[in-house]
Structure formats: structure tokens, C-alpha cells
């Protein structure tokens, strides 16, 4: 008897009866609209008035209805998903662009699927292929440099894509973002207008990175136009780490006379350079100016705020979403592809010293 009781008590509890399935018709009835209107709200919300959208969404929330994405994809031949492959999310500009991209896509009824390539073109190709296998409607890529078979894959499957963060008017590639060369040319000219003639640079690695290549070229072009150049001992390159930048800065200041201005290829390289200069007792900007590219929040909160180029990364993401959803719908947009940059002058830059710390007159 006891055994029977123990067996009885060990039986799993009976499962509750399944809830009645909520369907599209139920939502339409609750919202007081047709099933066709509900379908349009789900698939092409931009074609439905805000009032109708609100009614359908309210009914959806009340009933707890979750549309069957698989069934919808089969009927519409669209997944309402956009894939994006970014090199990293450690950079402030990529993170801000991702937020704006997601917000704009969500507003237009799309879901963002995100992956990071770590500046590896083979990894990028693998990720793009997986997104295509999962039926994404479009792709967002970074830069204009990709494996040829990556672009061929997208074209073969009819997946619209857009490049971002390296607008290049010369090649004609569809890329939304700043002209990196022109931006760094502008920043270098700004420093020269202050009187600087001896420059150093902590550049971001150009490996699989056409944005870094363009930035480096912008600096070199601006200097060459003035008959100047960067001495080999005053040039160093790395990835993007603050700690790494501190070591690269120490490498540059081993050689005297020091440069009076150091241009850094991204925000974190500039932050590391400023922190190391402070550690070394180098007065900024009295002994040396240090400037960067991109504008993350900490750059203006440091004891010595950093002069930099501000990129409207959120605008890059927003425009990419608008362009891509228009291409998917067969409605090309007339967006301005180039996003402007702005030199933000802060306390890390100023005129060169009359006498450098190395004791050499300017």
C-alpha cells in the first residue's frame, strides 16, 4: 500500500489544458479592422496609418498574440529581418550606429540580427552566408573592402546590402558614412593652422580596414601639401586598446625632438596617449597636442578633454536603415550618402611650444 502511495505521489502533475490558439482573425475582430489591415500592420507598417497601427498593436497586446514568423515568411517571402556585420562593438561609433539602426528598423517593422567579424574578412563571409541561409531581407556591412565572393553571394541571392562608415565618392560604391580621408585631412589642417610642423601619429591598423587606410592617407596628404611628413620614429600603429596606446605613445617619445602634435586614429588610441602623457609629466597642450577621431563620452570628461573629430554615427545607422528598407521595397531613396564630420576643439590641443621639452626651438 505504501509502495502504491509512493508511486502515486511520484507521478508528474497533469499538464494544464492547452489554451485556445489566438489567430489573426481574433486580433482583427478585437481591433475592429479587417484581417488584411492586421496583415499590413505586421508586414508593411509604414503603409498603415498611425491610428490603425495603434489599434492593432493594442489588440495584439491584450490578446497576447505572437505572429507566426515562419508562416509569415513563407507567405510573403520576407523574414522582416536585417542582418548586420560590424567589426566590433567596442568602438563608440559602431555602438551608437547599432542603436540608431535598430531603432529605425524597429520603427519600420524589421528585426535586427547582429554579428561581429573582428576585422576578419573570412569571418565576415561566414557570418554573411549564415544570415543569407536564414533568409534575411537585407545586409548592413562596414567599409567597402570585402571578399569578392561575399558580395557575389548577396547578389546571387538577391539580398540588398549597404556599406557603411567609409563614404567613397571616387569608386561610386554605395556607402553611407563619413569620408575618412577628408575628415583626417581637415583635422591635420586644423593643427597646421595653429602652427604645428612636427607631427606624430598613432594609427589604427590598416589590416582589413579601409577606414583606417583612408584616415592615414588624409593625414599624409595634408602634410605633403605643406611639404611635411611624419618621421618613421614618430609613427606607430595598433588596434584600439587604451593600454596598447599607452605603450605606443612611449615608443614615440623615445626619439627627440618630440613631435609637437600627435594624431590618433581612433578615440581609444587618443585616450591612451593622453593618459600616458599625463603619467610621463608631459604638459598638454603646452608641450604637445594630442587629438583623436570619433567622440566618445569619456573624451570630454578626462582631466584634459580631448580634441577630436565627431562622427554622427547615429545618423549613419539611421540612414542605412532608411536606404536598405527602401531598396527591399523597391523604392530607392534620395538620401545624402556622405555624413559630415566636425572638429571638436577641447583642451588637448593648442599652438606648439616655442621651445620643446627636448630643448629644440620651434
Protein backbone atom coordinates (compact mmCIF):
# COMPACT_ATOMS: atom_id res chain seq x y z
CA UNK A 1 0.00 0.00 0.00
CA UNK A 2 2.83 2.29 0.88
CA UNK A 3 4.54 1.40 -2.40
CA UNK A 4 1.42 2.25 -4.35
CA UNK A 5 1.14 5.53 -2.49
CA UNK A 6 4.77 6.42 -3.26
CA UNK A 7 4.29 5.57 -6.92
CA UNK A 8 1.16 7.62 -6.99
CA UNK A 9 2.88 10.61 -5.41
CA UNK A 10 5.77 10.35 -7.91
CA UNK A 11 3.50 10.78 -10.93
CA UNK A 12 4.04 14.08 -12.72
CA UNK A 13 1.33 16.64 -12.33
CA UNK A 14 -1.16 16.67 -15.15
CA UNK A 15 -0.44 19.30 -17.79
CA UNK A 16 -2.96 22.09 -17.99
CA UNK A 17 -5.20 22.01 -21.00
CA UNK A 18 -3.70 24.00 -23.86
CA UNK A 19 -5.05 27.50 -24.30
CA UNK A 20 -7.16 28.20 -27.31
CA UNK A 21 -4.98 29.40 -30.15
CA UNK A 22 -5.24 33.10 -30.85
CA UNK A 23 -5.17 33.91 -34.52
CA UNK A 24 -5.10 36.83 -36.90
CA UNK A 25 -8.90 36.86 -37.16
CA UNK A 26 -9.22 37.27 -33.37
CA UNK A 27 -6.88 40.25 -33.44
CA UNK A 28 -8.81 41.81 -36.34
CA UNK A 29 -12.09 41.35 -34.50
CA UNK A 30 -10.70 42.87 -31.28
CA UNK A 31 -9.24 45.84 -33.14
CA UNK A 32 -12.34 46.35 -35.28
CA UNK A 33 -10.38 46.11 -38.54
CA UNK A 34 -10.07 43.66 -41.40
CA UNK A 35 -7.58 40.77 -41.40
CA UNK A 36 -5.89 42.47 -44.34
CA UNK A 37 -5.21 45.53 -42.16
CA UNK A 38 -3.69 43.38 -39.42
CA UNK A 39 -1.50 41.70 -42.03
CA UNK A 40 -0.34 45.08 -43.34
CA UNK A 41 0.49 46.28 -39.82
CA UNK A 42 2.63 43.16 -39.32
CA UNK A 43 4.34 43.15 -42.72
CA UNK A 44 4.40 46.74 -44.01
CA UNK A 45 3.64 49.03 -41.04
CA UNK A 46 4.90 52.09 -42.90
CA UNK A 47 1.88 51.77 -45.23
CA UNK A 48 -0.67 51.89 -42.39
CA UNK A 49 -1.84 55.00 -40.55
CA UNK A 50 -0.59 55.51 -37.00
CA UNK A 51 -4.16 55.28 -35.67
CA UNK A 52 -4.79 51.86 -37.20
CA UNK A 53 -1.34 50.67 -36.13
CA UNK A 54 -2.07 51.66 -32.53
CA UNK A 55 -5.43 49.84 -32.55
CA UNK A 56 -3.92 46.63 -33.93
CA UNK A 57 -0.95 46.77 -31.54
CA UNK A 58 -3.29 47.34 -28.57
CA UNK A 59 -5.38 44.33 -29.57
CA UNK A 60 -2.24 42.25 -30.04
CA UNK A 61 -1.02 43.09 -26.54
CA UNK A 62 -4.44 42.47 -24.97
CA UNK A 63 -4.79 39.03 -26.57
CA UNK A 64 -1.13 38.10 -26.19
CA UNK A 65 -0.88 37.22 -29.87
CA UNK A 66 2.53 36.42 -31.30
CA UNK A 67 2.56 36.21 -35.11
CA UNK A 68 3.99 33.04 -36.63
CA UNK A 69 7.17 34.41 -38.22
CA UNK A 70 7.81 31.22 -40.17
CA UNK A 71 4.34 31.20 -41.71
CA UNK A 72 4.58 34.90 -42.49
CA UNK A 73 7.96 34.46 -44.16
CA UNK A 74 6.57 31.65 -46.32
CA UNK A 75 3.57 33.70 -47.43
CA UNK A 76 5.38 37.00 -48.00
CA UNK A 77 8.80 35.62 -48.98
CA UNK A 78 10.22 38.06 -46.46
CA UNK A 79 11.60 37.47 -42.99
CA UNK A 80 11.34 41.13 -41.88
CA UNK A 81 14.88 40.66 -40.57
CA UNK A 82 18.02 42.62 -41.46
CA UNK A 83 21.49 41.23 -40.83
CA UNK A 84 24.41 43.48 -39.85
CA UNK A 85 28.07 42.50 -39.52
CA UNK A 86 30.20 45.02 -37.61
CA UNK A 87 33.94 44.61 -36.97
CA UNK A 88 33.42 45.18 -33.24
CA UNK A 89 31.06 46.85 -30.79
CA UNK A 90 33.93 48.07 -28.59
CA UNK A 91 34.13 51.31 -30.58
CA UNK A 92 31.76 54.07 -29.63
CA UNK A 93 30.82 54.85 -33.22
CA UNK A 94 29.75 51.27 -34.00
CA UNK A 95 27.73 51.01 -30.79
CA UNK A 96 25.87 54.27 -31.45
CA UNK A 97 25.22 53.30 -35.06
CA UNK A 98 23.82 49.94 -33.96
CA UNK A 99 21.35 51.59 -31.59
CA UNK A 100 20.13 54.01 -34.26
CA UNK A 101 19.98 51.25 -36.87
CA UNK A 102 17.90 49.05 -34.59
CA UNK A 103 15.56 51.89 -33.59
CA UNK A 104 14.87 52.87 -37.20
CA UNK A 105 14.42 49.26 -38.34
CA UNK A 106 12.06 48.56 -35.45
CA UNK A 107 10.00 51.60 -36.39
CA UNK A 108 9.75 50.18 -39.90
CA UNK A 109 8.72 46.70 -38.74
CA UNK A 110 12.09 44.94 -39.08
CA UNK A 111 14.22 42.98 -36.64
CA UNK A 112 17.99 43.50 -36.48
CA UNK A 113 20.28 40.46 -36.36
CA UNK A 114 23.82 41.43 -35.36
CA UNK A 115 27.24 39.77 -35.51
CA UNK A 116 30.91 40.86 -35.20
CA UNK A 117 33.70 39.91 -37.61
CA UNK A 118 36.67 41.15 -35.53
CA UNK A 119 38.16 42.73 -38.67
CA UNK A 120 38.44 39.27 -40.27
CA UNK A 121 37.12 39.12 -43.86
CA UNK A 122 36.81 35.32 -43.74
CA UNK A 123 34.74 35.60 -40.56
CA UNK A 124 32.63 38.28 -42.20
CA UNK A 125 31.98 35.98 -45.17
CA UNK A 126 30.92 33.12 -42.87
CA UNK A 127 28.53 35.36 -40.95
CA UNK A 128 27.01 36.85 -44.11
CA UNK A 129 26.45 33.35 -45.51
CA UNK A 130 24.68 32.26 -42.32
CA UNK A 131 22.44 35.31 -42.37
CA UNK A 132 21.55 34.63 -46.01
CA UNK A 133 20.78 30.99 -45.14
CA UNK A 134 18.36 32.28 -42.51
CA UNK A 135 16.56 34.40 -45.07
CA UNK A 136 17.44 37.96 -44.09
CA UNK A 137 15.88 40.58 -46.34
CA UNK A 138 18.98 42.80 -46.40
CA UNK A 139 22.52 43.23 -45.05
CA UNK A 140 24.47 46.08 -43.46
CA UNK A 141 28.25 45.84 -43.84
CA UNK A 142 31.08 48.11 -42.70
CA UNK A 143 33.59 49.58 -45.12
CA UNK A 144 33.97 48.89 -48.83
CA UNK A 145 36.53 46.09 -48.54
CA UNK A 146 35.04 42.58 -48.55
CA UNK A 147 35.87 39.22 -50.07
CA UNK A 148 34.60 39.22 -53.69
CA UNK A 149 32.60 36.06 -53.03
CA UNK A 150 30.82 37.78 -50.12
CA UNK A 151 29.34 40.37 -52.46
CA UNK A 152 28.70 37.71 -55.12
CA UNK A 153 26.77 35.67 -52.55
CA UNK A 154 24.49 38.59 -51.73
CA UNK A 155 23.93 39.44 -55.38
CA UNK A 156 23.26 35.82 -56.33
CA UNK A 157 20.54 35.53 -53.68
CA UNK A 158 19.10 38.96 -54.42
CA UNK A 159 19.84 40.33 -50.95
CA UNK A 160 20.21 44.15 -50.98
CA UNK A 161 23.12 45.45 -48.94
CA UNK A 162 24.67 48.74 -47.95
CA UNK A 163 28.23 49.57 -46.88
CA UNK A 164 28.74 51.99 -44.01
CA UNK A 165 31.36 54.20 -42.34
CA UNK A 166 33.53 54.86 -45.39
CA UNK A 167 31.89 57.06 -47.97
CA UNK A 168 33.94 56.94 -51.15
CA UNK A 169 32.80 59.23 -53.94
CA UNK A 170 35.65 58.04 -56.21
CA UNK A 171 34.66 54.37 -56.58
CA UNK A 172 30.94 55.05 -56.59
CA UNK A 173 30.27 52.24 -54.10
CA UNK A 174 27.05 52.67 -52.15
CA UNK A 175 28.43 53.53 -48.73
CA UNK A 176 26.82 55.68 -46.07
CA UNK A 177 29.17 57.43 -43.68
CA UNK A 178 31.99 59.94 -43.43
CA UNK A 179 34.76 60.47 -45.95
CA UNK A 180 37.54 59.29 -43.64
CA UNK A 181 40.34 60.72 -45.76
CA UNK A 182 38.73 64.13 -45.97
CA UNK A 183 37.97 64.12 -42.24
CA UNK A 184 41.58 63.49 -41.19
CA UNK A 185 42.80 65.95 -43.81
CA UNK A 186 40.57 68.55 -42.12
CA UNK A 187 41.90 67.73 -38.63
CA UNK A 188 45.53 67.87 -39.78
CA UNK A 189 44.97 71.22 -41.46
CA UNK A 190 43.45 72.49 -38.23
CA UNK A 191 46.63 71.60 -36.33
CA UNK A 192 48.79 73.17 -39.01
CA UNK A 193 46.74 76.37 -38.75
CA UNK A 194 47.81 76.50 -35.08
CA UNK A 195 51.45 76.43 -36.18
CA UNK A 196 52.38 72.74 -35.84
CA UNK A 197 55.03 71.43 -38.23
CA UNK A 198 56.38 68.33 -36.48
CA UNK A 199 53.78 65.56 -36.33
CA UNK A 200 53.49 62.09 -34.89
CA UNK A 201 50.72 59.56 -35.40
CA UNK A 202 49.30 56.58 -33.54
CA UNK A 203 47.31 54.97 -36.33
CA UNK A 204 44.82 52.15 -36.21
CA UNK A 205 45.99 49.04 -38.06
CA UNK A 206 45.03 49.09 -41.74
CA UNK A 207 44.65 45.30 -41.88
CA UNK A 208 41.25 44.65 -43.48
CA UNK A 209 40.31 48.21 -42.53
CA UNK A 210 39.81 50.65 -45.39
CA UNK A 211 38.57 53.30 -42.93
CA UNK A 212 41.95 53.32 -41.16
CA UNK A 213 43.72 53.35 -44.53
CA UNK A 214 41.75 56.40 -45.63
CA UNK A 215 42.41 58.23 -42.34
CA UNK A 216 46.15 57.63 -42.62
CA UNK A 217 46.10 58.84 -46.22
CA UNK A 218 44.24 62.00 -45.20
CA UNK A 219 46.95 62.90 -42.69
CA UNK A 220 49.77 62.17 -45.12
CA UNK A 221 48.13 64.12 -47.93
CA UNK A 222 47.57 67.20 -45.77
CA UNK A 223 51.18 67.13 -44.58
CA UNK A 224 52.55 66.56 -48.07
CA UNK A 225 50.68 69.59 -49.37
CA UNK A 226 52.65 71.65 -46.83
CA UNK A 227 55.95 69.91 -47.62
CA UNK A 228 55.83 67.95 -44.35
CA UNK A 229 55.84 64.29 -43.36
CA UNK A 230 55.86 62.06 -40.29
CA UNK A 231 59.28 60.78 -39.27
CA UNK A 232 59.36 56.95 -39.07
CA UNK A 233 60.26 57.05 -35.37
CA UNK A 234 57.19 59.19 -34.72
CA UNK A 235 54.76 56.73 -36.30
CA UNK A 236 53.18 53.74 -34.54
CA UNK A 237 50.12 51.63 -35.21
CA UNK A 238 47.93 49.29 -33.21
CA UNK A 239 44.32 48.21 -32.85
CA UNK A 240 42.17 50.23 -30.45
CA UNK A 241 43.08 49.44 -26.86
CA UNK A 242 43.80 52.18 -24.35
CA UNK A 243 46.60 50.18 -22.73
CA UNK A 244 48.11 49.43 -26.13
CA UNK A 245 48.03 53.14 -26.99
CA UNK A 246 49.98 53.99 -23.86
CA UNK A 247 52.79 51.70 -24.99
CA UNK A 248 52.75 53.16 -28.50
CA UNK A 249 52.97 56.67 -27.07
CA UNK A 250 56.03 55.69 -25.00
CA UNK A 251 57.57 54.30 -28.17
CA UNK A 252 57.13 57.63 -29.98
CA UNK A 253 58.60 59.81 -27.24
CA UNK A 254 61.81 57.77 -27.09
CA UNK A 255 63.06 59.84 -30.06
CA UNK A 256 63.87 63.52 -29.69
CA UNK A 257 62.90 66.10 -30.65
CA UNK A 258 59.35 65.06 -29.92
CA UNK A 259 56.51 65.83 -32.30
CA UNK A 260 54.55 68.87 -31.18
CA UNK A 261 51.28 67.22 -32.22
CA UNK A 262 50.21 63.56 -32.25
CA UNK A 263 47.19 62.48 -34.30
CA UNK A 264 45.44 59.30 -33.15
CA UNK A 265 43.42 57.06 -35.44
CA UNK A 266 40.50 56.46 -33.09
CA UNK A 267 39.08 57.58 -29.76
CA UNK A 268 40.68 54.92 -27.57
CA UNK A 269 44.14 55.44 -29.01
CA UNK A 270 43.79 59.15 -28.19
CA UNK A 271 42.60 58.41 -24.64
CA UNK A 272 45.57 56.10 -24.04
CA UNK A 273 48.01 58.67 -25.42
CA UNK A 274 46.65 61.44 -23.19
CA UNK A 275 46.72 59.23 -20.09
CA UNK A 276 50.31 58.21 -20.76
CA UNK A 277 51.39 61.79 -21.42
CA UNK A 278 49.93 62.76 -18.07
CA UNK A 279 51.75 59.85 -16.43
CA UNK A 280 55.03 60.97 -18.03
CA UNK A 281 54.58 64.54 -16.81
CA UNK A 282 54.17 65.94 -20.32
CA UNK A 283 52.05 69.09 -20.27
CA UNK A 284 49.16 69.03 -22.73
CA UNK A 285 48.90 71.11 -24.84
CA UNK A 286 51.84 73.25 -23.64
CA UNK A 287 54.42 70.58 -24.55
CA UNK A 288 52.40 68.57 -27.05
CA UNK A 289 48.92 68.48 -28.60
CA UNK A 290 47.07 65.15 -28.88
CA UNK A 291 43.93 64.71 -30.99
CA UNK A 292 41.72 61.80 -31.98
CA UNK A 293 39.00 60.50 -34.27
CA UNK A 294 35.42 59.84 -33.10
CA UNK A 295 33.95 61.29 -29.93
CA UNK A 296 33.10 59.01 -27.02
CA UNK A 297 31.80 60.45 -23.76
CA UNK A 298 34.95 59.93 -21.69
CA UNK A 299 36.95 62.15 -24.07
CA UNK A 300 35.27 65.26 -22.65
CA UNK A 301 35.31 64.01 -19.04
CA UNK A 302 39.05 63.39 -18.68
CA UNK A 303 41.10 65.93 -16.68
CA UNK A 304 42.41 67.01 -20.08
CA UNK A 305 39.49 66.84 -22.52
CA UNK A 306 40.43 65.63 -25.99
CA UNK A 307 40.11 67.48 -29.28
CA UNK A 308 38.62 65.10 -31.82
CA UNK A 309 36.58 64.57 -34.97
CA UNK A 310 32.92 63.99 -34.19
CA UNK A 311 31.23 61.49 -36.50
CA UNK A 312 27.41 61.35 -36.49
CA UNK A 313 27.41 57.58 -36.06
CA UNK A 314 23.73 57.56 -35.12
CA UNK A 315 22.99 59.23 -38.43
CA UNK A 316 25.00 56.55 -40.25
CA UNK A 317 22.81 53.86 -38.68
CA UNK A 318 19.56 55.72 -39.31
CA UNK A 319 20.34 56.43 -42.96
CA UNK A 320 21.49 52.84 -43.53
CA UNK A 321 18.10 51.58 -42.26
CA UNK A 322 16.17 54.01 -44.46
CA UNK A 323 18.25 53.19 -47.54
CA UNK A 324 18.07 49.43 -47.06
CA UNK A 325 14.34 49.17 -46.33
CA UNK A 326 13.70 51.35 -49.36
CA UNK A 327 15.81 49.05 -51.53
CA UNK A 328 13.96 45.99 -50.20
CA UNK A 329 10.61 47.59 -51.04
CA UNK A 330 11.84 48.60 -54.49
CA UNK A 331 11.61 52.26 -53.53
CA UNK A 332 15.10 53.77 -53.83
CA UNK A 333 15.68 56.77 -51.59
CA UNK A 334 17.43 60.05 -52.37
CA UNK A 335 19.41 60.11 -49.13
CA UNK A 336 22.67 62.01 -48.86
CA UNK A 337 25.23 59.21 -48.52
CA UNK A 338 28.09 61.25 -47.04
CA UNK A 339 27.77 62.08 -43.34
CA UNK A 340 29.61 65.22 -42.31
CA UNK A 341 32.20 65.32 -39.52
CA UNK A 342 33.04 68.17 -37.17
CA UNK A 343 36.29 69.15 -35.46
CA UNK A 344 35.52 69.43 -31.73
CA UNK A 345 38.21 71.62 -30.16
CA UNK A 346 38.95 70.90 -26.50
CA UNK A 347 41.85 71.42 -24.13
CA UNK A 348 44.22 68.75 -25.53
CA UNK A 349 45.24 70.91 -28.49
CA UNK A 350 46.78 74.33 -28.88
CA UNK A 351 49.70 76.11 -30.54
CA UNK A 352 53.09 74.35 -30.48
CA UNK A 353 55.59 75.27 -27.77
CA UNK A 354 58.19 77.89 -28.57
CA UNK A 355 60.77 75.55 -27.05
CA UNK A 356 60.03 71.82 -26.89
CA UNK A 357 60.69 69.67 -23.84
CA UNK A 358 63.57 68.20 -25.84
CA UNK A 359 65.14 71.68 -25.81
CA UNK A 360 64.80 72.36 -29.52
CA UNK A 361 63.47 75.74 -30.64
CA UNK A 362 60.45 75.65 -32.84
